[in-house]
Amino acid sequence: MSEEQLKAFLEAVKADAGLQEKLNAAKDADVVVAIAKAAGFVISAEELKKAQVAEISEEELEGVAGGGWRDLELL
């Protein structure tokens, strides 16, 4: 996964209430990866977890699924 893919996925999530609902229900990073893949984005659980450490901006997180990613500890 590239940083660009993750950013593109986050932008898609901001614009798609259906993706937001799916992410709110996601229990772990593997589920998020599957949701992203179904939406046409190539991301991996490992890279997603690395992105957590890199701290995605608060603005991006606030726009994604109403903060529902907290279960994945992306905050």
N, C-alpha and C. Protein backbone atom coordinates (compact mmCIF):
# COMPACT_ATOMS: atom_id res chain seq x y z
N MET A 1 0.85 -1.17 0.00
CA MET A 1 0.00 0.00 0.00
C MET A 1 0.89 1.23 0.00
N SER A 2 0.49 2.20 -0.73
CA SER A 2 1.20 3.46 -0.70
C SER A 2 0.42 4.45 0.15
N GLU A 3 1.11 5.45 0.57
CA GLU A 3 0.45 6.51 1.34
C GLU A 3 -0.66 7.14 0.50
N GLU A 4 -0.43 7.21 -0.81
CA GLU A 4 -1.44 7.78 -1.70
C GLU A 4 -2.71 6.94 -1.70
N GLN A 5 -2.55 5.62 -1.67
CA GLN A 5 -3.73 4.74 -1.64
C GLN A 5 -4.52 4.95 -0.36
N LEU A 6 -3.83 5.07 0.76
CA LEU A 6 -4.52 5.29 2.03
C LEU A 6 -5.25 6.63 2.01
N LYS A 7 -4.58 7.67 1.54
CA LYS A 7 -5.22 8.99 1.47
C LYS A 7 -6.43 8.96 0.54
N ALA A 8 -6.29 8.28 -0.59
CA ALA A 8 -7.41 8.18 -1.53
C ALA A 8 -8.57 7.42 -0.90
N PHE A 9 -8.26 6.37 -0.16
CA PHE A 9 -9.31 5.61 0.52
C PHE A 9 -10.02 6.49 1.55
N LEU A 10 -9.26 7.25 2.33
CA LEU A 10 -9.87 8.14 3.32
C LEU A 10 -10.76 9.18 2.67
N GLU A 11 -10.34 9.70 1.54
CA GLU A 11 -11.17 10.67 0.81
C GLU A 11 -12.46 10.01 0.33
N ALA A 12 -12.34 8.78 -0.17
CA ALA A 12 -13.53 8.06 -0.62
C ALA A 12 -14.49 7.81 0.53
N VAL A 13 -13.95 7.49 1.68
CA VAL A 13 -14.78 7.24 2.86
C VAL A 13 -15.51 8.51 3.27
N LYS A 14 -14.84 9.64 3.22
CA LYS A 14 -15.47 10.91 3.59
C LYS A 14 -16.71 11.17 2.73
N ALA A 15 -16.65 10.76 1.48
CA ALA A 15 -17.72 11.06 0.53
C ALA A 15 -18.77 9.96 0.43
N ASP A 16 -18.60 8.85 1.13
CA ASP A 16 -19.49 7.70 0.95
C ASP A 16 -20.03 7.21 2.29
N ALA A 17 -21.30 7.50 2.54
CA ALA A 17 -21.92 7.10 3.81
C ALA A 17 -21.93 5.58 3.97
N GLY A 18 -22.04 4.85 2.87
CA GLY A 18 -22.02 3.39 2.93
C GLY A 18 -20.69 2.86 3.44
N LEU A 19 -19.59 3.43 2.95
CA LEU A 19 -18.27 3.04 3.44
C LEU A 19 -18.11 3.41 4.91
N GLN A 20 -18.63 4.55 5.28
CA GLN A 20 -18.55 4.98 6.68
C GLN A 20 -19.25 3.97 7.59
N GLU A 21 -20.43 3.52 7.18
CA GLU A 21 -21.17 2.53 7.97
C GLU A 21 -20.38 1.23 8.10
N LYS A 22 -19.80 0.79 7.00
CA LYS A 22 -19.01 -0.44 7.04
C LYS A 22 -17.82 -0.30 7.98
N LEU A 23 -17.15 0.83 7.93
CA LEU A 23 -15.99 1.04 8.80
C LEU A 23 -16.40 1.15 10.26
N ASN A 24 -17.55 1.74 10.51
CA ASN A 24 -18.04 1.81 11.89
C ASN A 24 -18.24 0.42 12.47
N ALA A 25 -18.59 -0.54 11.61
CA ALA A 25 -18.83 -1.90 12.07
C ALA A 25 -17.56 -2.76 12.07
N ALA A 26 -16.48 -2.25 11.48
CA ALA A 26 -15.24 -3.02 11.38
C ALA A 26 -14.66 -3.29 12.76
N LYS A 27 -14.26 -4.54 12.98
CA LYS A 27 -13.72 -4.95 14.28
C LYS A 27 -12.20 -4.92 14.34
N ASP A 28 -11.54 -4.99 13.18
CA ASP A 28 -10.08 -4.99 13.18
C ASP A 28 -9.54 -4.53 11.83
N ALA A 29 -8.24 -4.42 11.75
CA ALA A 29 -7.58 -3.91 10.54
C ALA A 29 -7.84 -4.80 9.33
N ASP A 30 -7.95 -6.11 9.53
CA ASP A 30 -8.20 -7.00 8.40
C ASP A 30 -9.55 -6.71 7.75
N VAL A 31 -10.53 -6.35 8.56
CA VAL A 31 -11.85 -6.00 8.03
C VAL A 31 -11.75 -4.69 7.24
N VAL A 32 -10.99 -3.74 7.75
CA VAL A 32 -10.80 -2.48 7.03
C VAL A 32 -10.12 -2.73 5.69
N VAL A 33 -9.14 -3.60 5.67
CA VAL A 33 -8.45 -3.95 4.42
C VAL A 33 -9.43 -4.54 3.42
N ALA A 34 -10.31 -5.43 3.88
CA ALA A 34 -11.30 -6.04 2.99
C ALA A 34 -12.28 -5.00 2.46
N ILE A 35 -12.68 -4.08 3.30
CA ILE A 35 -13.59 -3.00 2.87
C ILE A 35 -12.91 -2.14 1.82
N ALA A 36 -11.65 -1.80 2.06
CA ALA A 36 -10.90 -0.99 1.10
C ALA A 36 -10.75 -1.72 -0.23
N LYS A 37 -10.44 -3.00 -0.17
CA LYS A 37 -10.27 -3.79 -1.40
C LYS A 37 -11.56 -3.83 -2.20
N ALA A 38 -12.68 -4.03 -1.51
CA ALA A 38 -13.97 -4.06 -2.19
C ALA A 38 -14.29 -2.72 -2.84
N ALA A 39 -13.74 -1.65 -2.29
CA ALA A 39 -13.95 -0.31 -2.83
C ALA A 39 -12.92 0.06 -3.90
N GLY A 40 -11.99 -0.86 -4.18
CA GLY A 40 -11.01 -0.63 -5.24
C GLY A 40 -9.67 -0.08 -4.79
N PHE A 41 -9.38 -0.17 -3.50
CA PHE A 41 -8.11 0.34 -2.97
C PHE A 41 -7.26 -0.81 -2.47
N VAL A 42 -5.96 -0.72 -2.69
CA VAL A 42 -5.03 -1.76 -2.27
C VAL A 42 -4.28 -1.26 -1.05
N ILE A 43 -4.67 -1.78 0.12
CA ILE A 43 -3.98 -1.47 1.36
C ILE A 43 -3.76 -2.78 2.10
N SER A 44 -2.80 -2.80 3.00
CA SER A 44 -2.55 -4.01 3.78
C SER A 44 -2.74 -3.71 5.26
N ALA A 45 -3.02 -4.74 6.04
CA ALA A 45 -3.20 -4.57 7.48
C ALA A 45 -1.91 -4.04 8.10
N GLU A 46 -0.77 -4.55 7.65
CA GLU A 46 0.52 -4.11 8.19
C GLU A 46 0.75 -2.63 7.93
N GLU A 47 0.51 -2.21 6.70
CA GLU A 47 0.70 -0.81 6.36
C GLU A 47 -0.33 0.08 7.06
N LEU A 48 -1.53 -0.43 7.22
CA LEU A 48 -2.55 0.31 7.94
C LEU A 48 -2.12 0.54 9.39
N LYS A 49 -1.56 -0.48 9.99
CA LYS A 49 -1.09 -0.36 11.37
C LYS A 49 0.09 0.61 11.45
N LYS A 50 0.97 0.60 10.44
CA LYS A 50 2.08 1.56 10.41
C LYS A 50 1.54 2.99 10.31
N ALA A 51 0.47 3.15 9.55
CA ALA A 51 -0.13 4.47 9.41
C ALA A 51 -0.68 4.97 10.73
N GLN A 52 -1.12 4.05 11.57
CA GLN A 52 -1.59 4.43 12.90
C GLN A 52 -0.48 5.12 13.66
N VAL A 53 0.69 4.57 13.59
CA VAL A 53 1.84 5.12 14.29
C VAL A 53 2.23 6.47 13.70
N ALA A 54 2.07 6.61 12.40
CA ALA A 54 2.42 7.85 11.72
C ALA A 54 1.41 8.96 12.01
N GLU A 55 0.33 8.65 12.67
CA GLU A 55 -0.70 9.61 13.06
C GLU A 55 -1.29 10.35 11.88
N ILE A 56 -2.34 9.78 11.34
CA ILE A 56 -3.12 10.46 10.32
C ILE A 56 -3.68 11.72 10.97
N SER A 57 -3.76 12.78 10.22
CA SER A 57 -4.16 14.06 10.81
C SER A 57 -5.54 13.98 11.45
N GLU A 58 -5.72 14.74 12.50
CA GLU A 58 -6.99 14.78 13.22
C GLU A 58 -8.13 15.17 12.29
N GLU A 59 -7.87 16.10 11.36
CA GLU A 59 -8.89 16.53 10.42
C GLU A 59 -9.36 15.36 9.56
N GLU A 60 -8.45 14.56 9.07
CA GLU A 60 -8.81 13.40 8.26
C GLU A 60 -9.63 12.42 9.07
N LEU A 61 -9.22 12.17 10.29
CA LEU A 61 -9.94 11.22 11.12
C LEU A 61 -11.34 11.69 11.47
N GLU A 62 -11.51 12.97 11.73
CA GLU A 62 -12.82 13.49 12.06
C GLU A 62 -13.78 13.34 10.89
N GLY A 63 -13.26 13.37 9.68
CA GLY A 63 -14.11 13.24 8.51
C GLY A 63 -14.43 11.81 8.14
N VAL A 64 -13.80 10.85 8.77
CA VAL A 64 -13.98 9.45 8.41
C VAL A 64 -14.90 8.77 9.40
N ALA A 65 -16.03 8.35 8.93
CA ALA A 65 -16.94 7.49 9.69
C ALA A 65 -17.25 8.01 11.08
N GLY A 66 -17.31 9.29 11.25
CA GLY A 66 -17.65 9.86 12.55
C GLY A 66 -16.75 9.40 13.67
N GLY A 67 -15.52 9.09 13.36
CA GLY A 67 -14.58 8.63 14.39
C GLY A 67 -14.74 7.17 14.73
N GLY A 68 -15.47 6.41 13.93
CA GLY A 68 -15.72 5.00 14.22
C GLY A 68 -14.49 4.12 14.16
N TRP A 69 -13.38 4.64 13.73
CA TRP A 69 -12.17 3.83 13.65
C TRP A 69 -11.50 3.69 15.01
N ARG A 70 -12.09 4.23 16.04
CA ARG A 70 -11.48 4.15 17.36
C ARG A 70 -11.26 2.71 17.79
N ASP A 71 -12.15 1.81 17.38
CA ASP A 71 -11.98 0.41 17.71
C ASP A 71 -10.67 -0.12 17.14
N LEU A 72 -10.18 0.51 16.07
CA LEU A 72 -8.94 0.08 15.45
C LEU A 72 -7.75 0.86 15.98
N GLU A 73 -7.99 1.73 16.92
CA GLU A 73 -6.96 2.53 17.55
C GLU A 73 -6.19 3.39 16.57
N LEU A 74 -6.91 3.96 15.61
CA LEU A 74 -6.27 4.87 14.67
C LEU A 74 -6.20 6.28 15.22
N LEU A 75 -6.82 6.51 16.35
CA LEU A 75 -6.80 7.86 16.90
C LEU A 75 -5.58 8.09 17.70
